Amino acid sequence: MTTQISGILLAAGRGARAGIEENKVYVEIARRPLLLHALSPFLRSPLIDEIIIVVAREEKERAASLVQGMKKEIRFVYGGEQRQDSSLAGIEEATGDIVLIHDVARPFPSQALIARVVTGVRQYGACVPVIPVADTLCYQDEVSGLLREQVSRQGLLRMQTPQGFKRELIRECLRMSNASLSDDAQAALAAGVRVWTVSGEAINLKITTTGDIELAEAIANLVPSVSAIIQKRENNSSSQ
């Protein structure tokens, strides 16, 4: 029997740091709401069998109006007080053996990225996309604002989504967790689960500030070209 895969999109957060009054998932990037940008690769991916969108209770009708007539099954559930509550709500609704949990604040996940994460989950049970930290890192003195000692970036990784897991595995990890989590891999690690990594993508940025929105607007006009470049690079790597 073919393993079913569920895509869970988290769209219930407020995103206050973006400096806008409404939920940022409805902000338009290149004349399309952020939600539709993030949803599109999951709709197009042949690996994703169903999609669950986690929304704020008062925003369900607004979200549903954006996805009418889509070819793939889409269901809605209500988010909770904390991020892990929203993830768990989506997982409880999902029917797939594998779940991919994605922050709608990341509007440009590629189908290739989705495929890499799925492959990792099938092999290891838990898999997340990451990017090595390239910037120089320093601590800051909280009183003076001056720089303190430098932080070694060796081994440091920037976590991205979608993060993929065997559904029963991550459900139990999230049920066990009582901490405030910024992503689902933290729950798995806290439970002693080994989490595999695959290459993330620089274009898979997270919208957090007003500046990120402006950057996403510029990227949106380049996504088809960038995606083609990424795919060509991956095809060349696999043939070597």
Protein backbone atom coordinates (compact mmCIF):
# COMPACT_ATOMS: atom_id res chain seq x y z
CA MET A 1 0.00 0.00 0.00
CA THR A 2 1.34 3.43 -0.94
CA THR A 3 2.26 5.61 2.00
CA GLN A 4 0.04 8.66 2.24
CA ILE A 5 1.66 12.01 2.85
CA SER A 6 -0.10 14.95 4.46
CA GLY A 7 0.99 18.54 4.09
CA ILE A 8 0.19 20.66 7.16
CA LEU A 9 0.40 24.43 6.67
CA LEU A 10 0.52 26.59 9.79
CA ALA A 11 -1.32 29.87 9.16
CA ALA A 12 -2.75 30.75 12.57
CA GLY A 13 0.09 32.96 13.89
CA ARG A 14 -0.19 36.71 14.09
CA GLY A 15 3.34 37.70 13.07
CA ALA A 16 3.47 40.95 15.03
CA ARG A 17 7.13 41.55 14.14
CA ALA A 18 6.18 42.09 10.50
CA GLY A 19 4.73 45.45 11.53
CA ILE A 20 1.29 44.95 10.00
CA GLU A 21 -2.15 44.92 11.59
CA GLU A 22 -3.54 41.79 9.94
CA ASN A 23 -2.26 38.22 9.92
CA LYS A 24 0.75 38.33 7.60
CA VAL A 25 -0.35 35.17 5.73
CA TYR A 26 -2.89 37.38 3.91
CA VAL A 27 -0.37 40.05 2.91
CA GLU A 28 -0.06 40.14 -0.86
CA ILE A 29 3.28 39.33 -2.44
CA ALA A 30 3.27 40.00 -6.19
CA ARG A 31 -0.54 40.31 -6.05
CA ARG A 32 -1.02 36.93 -4.33
CA PRO A 33 -1.56 36.33 -0.60
CA LEU A 34 1.38 34.80 1.21
CA LEU A 35 -0.82 31.79 1.98
CA LEU A 36 -1.23 30.95 -1.71
CA HIS A 37 2.50 31.23 -2.38
CA ALA A 38 3.26 28.73 0.40
CA LEU A 39 0.39 26.45 -0.61
CA SER A 40 1.25 26.28 -4.31
CA PRO A 41 4.22 23.84 -4.16
CA PHE A 42 2.20 21.44 -2.00
CA LEU A 43 -0.65 21.55 -4.50
CA ARG A 44 1.70 20.85 -7.40
CA SER A 45 3.78 18.17 -5.70
CA PRO A 46 2.72 14.63 -6.75
CA LEU A 47 3.97 13.39 -3.37
CA ILE A 48 1.37 15.26 -1.29
CA ASP A 49 -1.97 13.46 -0.98
CA GLU A 50 -3.87 15.87 1.26
CA ILE A 51 -3.41 19.33 2.74
CA ILE A 52 -4.50 20.60 6.15
CA ILE A 53 -4.35 24.34 6.80
CA VAL A 54 -4.27 25.42 10.44
CA VAL A 55 -6.01 28.78 10.85
CA ALA A 56 -7.30 31.11 13.54
CA ARG A 57 -10.95 30.40 14.26
CA GLU A 58 -12.07 33.84 13.12
CA GLU A 59 -10.16 33.55 9.83
CA LYS A 60 -11.40 30.22 8.50
CA GLU A 61 -13.88 31.74 6.03
CA ARG A 62 -11.26 34.12 4.70
CA ALA A 63 -8.74 31.31 4.19
CA ALA A 64 -11.34 29.00 2.65
CA SER A 65 -12.36 31.66 0.12
CA LEU A 66 -8.80 31.72 -1.20
CA VAL A 67 -8.58 28.00 -1.93
CA GLN A 68 -11.96 27.29 -3.50
CA GLY A 69 -11.76 25.02 -6.54
CA MET A 70 -8.32 23.61 -5.82
CA LYS A 71 -7.71 20.15 -7.29
CA LYS A 72 -6.24 18.62 -4.13
CA GLU A 73 -8.19 17.94 -0.95
CA ILE A 74 -7.81 20.80 1.56
CA ARG A 75 -9.23 20.77 5.08
CA PHE A 76 -9.09 23.34 7.85
CA VAL A 77 -8.52 23.04 11.59
CA TYR A 78 -8.18 25.69 14.27
CA GLY A 79 -4.83 26.62 15.76
CA GLY A 80 -4.00 26.70 19.46
CA GLU A 81 -2.33 29.05 21.92
CA GLN A 82 1.22 27.95 21.08
CA ARG A 83 2.89 26.77 17.90
CA GLN A 84 3.03 23.14 19.00
CA ASP A 85 -0.71 23.25 19.72
CA SER A 86 -1.33 24.27 16.12
CA SER A 87 1.01 21.57 14.80
CA LEU A 88 -0.71 18.96 16.93
CA ALA A 89 -4.15 20.09 15.72
CA GLY A 90 -3.02 19.60 12.13
CA ILE A 91 -1.47 16.22 12.89
CA GLU A 92 -4.63 14.99 14.59
CA GLU A 93 -6.61 15.88 11.46
CA ALA A 94 -4.09 14.33 9.04
CA THR A 95 -4.56 10.80 7.74
CA GLY A 96 -1.12 10.32 6.14
CA ASP A 97 1.57 8.04 7.55
CA ILE A 98 3.98 10.92 6.94
CA VAL A 99 3.34 14.58 7.73
CA LEU A 100 5.20 17.62 6.41
CA ILE A 101 4.68 20.63 8.66
CA HIS A 102 5.30 23.99 7.00
CA ASP A 103 5.19 27.60 8.20
CA VAL A 104 3.13 29.69 5.79
CA ALA A 105 5.53 32.51 6.69
CA ARG A 106 7.93 30.74 4.27
CA PRO A 107 6.29 31.41 0.88
CA PHE A 108 8.83 29.78 -1.45
CA PRO A 109 9.43 26.10 -0.65
CA SER A 110 10.26 24.23 -3.84
CA GLN A 111 8.90 20.87 -4.95
CA ALA A 112 12.49 19.62 -4.92
CA LEU A 113 12.80 20.60 -1.25
CA ILE A 114 9.55 18.82 -0.43
CA ALA A 115 10.85 15.71 -2.19
CA ARG A 116 14.14 15.76 -0.28
CA VAL A 117 12.36 15.97 3.06
CA VAL A 118 9.99 13.14 2.13
CA THR A 119 12.93 10.93 1.15
CA GLY A 120 14.59 11.67 4.48
CA VAL A 121 11.46 10.81 6.46
CA ARG A 122 11.01 7.54 4.60
CA GLN A 123 14.56 6.55 5.51
CA TYR A 124 14.92 7.94 9.02
CA GLY A 125 11.48 8.85 10.39
CA ALA A 126 12.30 12.53 11.04
CA CYS A 127 13.90 15.00 8.64
CA VAL A 128 14.36 18.77 8.44
CA PRO A 129 15.93 21.11 5.84
CA VAL A 130 18.85 23.17 7.09
CA ILE A 131 21.35 25.76 5.88
CA PRO A 132 24.81 26.16 7.45
CA VAL A 133 25.32 29.49 9.20
CA ALA A 134 27.64 31.63 7.08
CA ASP A 135 27.58 34.94 8.96
CA THR A 136 29.95 35.90 11.75
CA LEU A 137 28.12 35.63 15.08
CA CYS A 138 28.70 37.63 18.26
CA TYR A 139 27.03 38.12 21.62
CA GLN A 140 25.88 41.62 22.50
CA ASP A 141 26.17 43.26 25.90
CA GLU A 142 22.59 43.86 27.03
CA VAL A 143 23.45 47.07 28.91
CA SER A 144 25.86 48.89 26.60
CA GLY A 145 24.90 47.35 23.28
CA LEU A 146 28.57 46.73 22.52
CA LEU A 147 29.76 43.49 21.00
CA ARG A 148 31.11 40.84 23.30
CA GLU A 149 32.84 37.59 22.40
CA GLN A 150 32.43 35.96 19.01
CA VAL A 151 30.45 32.72 18.68
CA SER A 152 31.91 29.85 16.69
CA ARG A 153 29.64 29.10 13.75
CA GLN A 154 31.13 25.64 13.22
CA GLY A 155 28.30 23.11 13.20
CA LEU A 156 25.59 25.78 13.52
CA LEU A 157 22.57 25.36 11.26
CA ARG A 158 19.58 27.48 10.30
CA MET A 159 16.41 25.40 10.51
CA GLN A 160 13.74 25.65 7.82
CA THR A 161 10.38 24.09 7.04
CA PRO A 162 8.72 21.92 5.84
CA GLN A 163 9.82 19.56 8.57
CA GLY A 164 8.81 15.95 7.99
CA PHE A 165 8.03 13.12 10.37
CA LYS A 166 6.28 9.81 10.68
CA ARG A 167 2.90 11.00 11.93
CA GLU A 168 2.65 8.83 15.03
CA LEU A 169 6.21 9.71 16.02
CA ILE A 170 5.80 13.48 16.01
CA ARG A 171 2.32 13.29 17.51
CA GLU A 172 3.69 11.55 20.59
CA CYS A 173 6.64 13.95 20.80
CA LEU A 174 4.36 16.99 20.72
CA ARG A 175 1.98 15.46 23.26
CA MET A 176 4.90 14.92 25.62
CA SER A 177 6.26 18.45 25.28
CA ASN A 178 5.22 21.23 27.65
CA ALA A 179 7.79 23.79 26.53
CA SER A 180 7.24 26.68 24.17
CA LEU A 181 8.68 25.53 20.84
CA SER A 182 9.68 27.50 17.75
CA ASP A 183 9.62 24.41 15.52
CA ASP A 184 8.61 20.75 15.64
CA ALA A 185 12.11 19.32 15.48
CA GLN A 186 12.66 20.66 19.01
CA ALA A 187 9.91 18.39 20.30
CA ALA A 188 11.48 15.40 18.57
CA LEU A 189 14.96 16.19 19.90
CA ALA A 190 13.63 16.72 23.42
CA ALA A 191 12.09 13.24 23.25
CA GLY A 192 15.43 11.72 22.23
CA VAL A 193 14.51 11.22 18.57
CA ARG A 194 17.33 11.49 16.05
CA VAL A 195 16.47 14.01 13.34
CA TRP A 196 18.03 13.72 9.90
CA THR A 197 18.92 16.79 7.84
CA VAL A 198 18.78 17.62 4.14
CA SER A 199 19.89 20.73 2.30
CA GLY A 200 17.57 23.68 2.65
CA GLU A 201 17.31 26.54 0.18
CA ALA A 202 18.27 30.18 0.59
CA ILE A 203 15.17 31.21 -1.33
CA ASN A 204 13.02 29.50 1.31
CA LEU A 205 13.20 32.59 3.51
CA LYS A 206 10.90 33.32 6.45
CA ILE A 207 8.82 36.49 6.43
CA THR A 208 9.36 38.13 9.81
CA THR A 209 9.85 41.87 9.26
CA THR A 210 8.64 44.52 6.83
CA GLY A 211 12.01 44.25 5.08
CA ASP A 212 11.37 40.54 4.50
CA ILE A 213 8.10 41.39 2.78
CA GLU A 214 9.91 43.74 0.43
CA LEU A 215 12.53 41.08 -0.30
CA ALA A 216 9.83 38.46 -0.94
CA GLU A 217 8.16 40.83 -3.39
CA ALA A 218 11.38 40.97 -5.39
CA ILE A 219 11.95 37.21 -5.17
CA ALA A 220 8.39 36.37 -6.25
CA ASN A 221 9.14 37.68 -9.73
CA LEU A 222 12.19 35.43 -9.95
CA VAL A 223 10.91 32.19 -8.39
CA PRO A 224 10.36 30.27 -11.68
CA SER A 225 13.87 31.15 -12.86
CA VAL A 226 15.49 30.38 -9.50
CA SER A 227 13.61 27.08 -9.19
CA ALA A 228 14.84 26.05 -12.64
CA ILE A 229 18.43 26.83 -11.63
CA ILE A 230 18.09 24.80 -8.42
CA GLN A 231 16.59 21.85 -10.29
CA LYS A 232 19.33 21.95 -12.93
CA ARG A 233 22.01 22.00 -10.22
CA GLU A 234 20.42 19.01 -8.44
CA ASN A 235 20.11 17.06 -11.68
CA ASN A 236 23.79 17.68 -12.42
CA SER A 237 24.78 16.56 -8.92
CA SER A 238 22.78 13.34 -9.13
CA SER A 239 24.30 12.43 -12.49
CA GLN A 240 27.88 12.74 -11.26
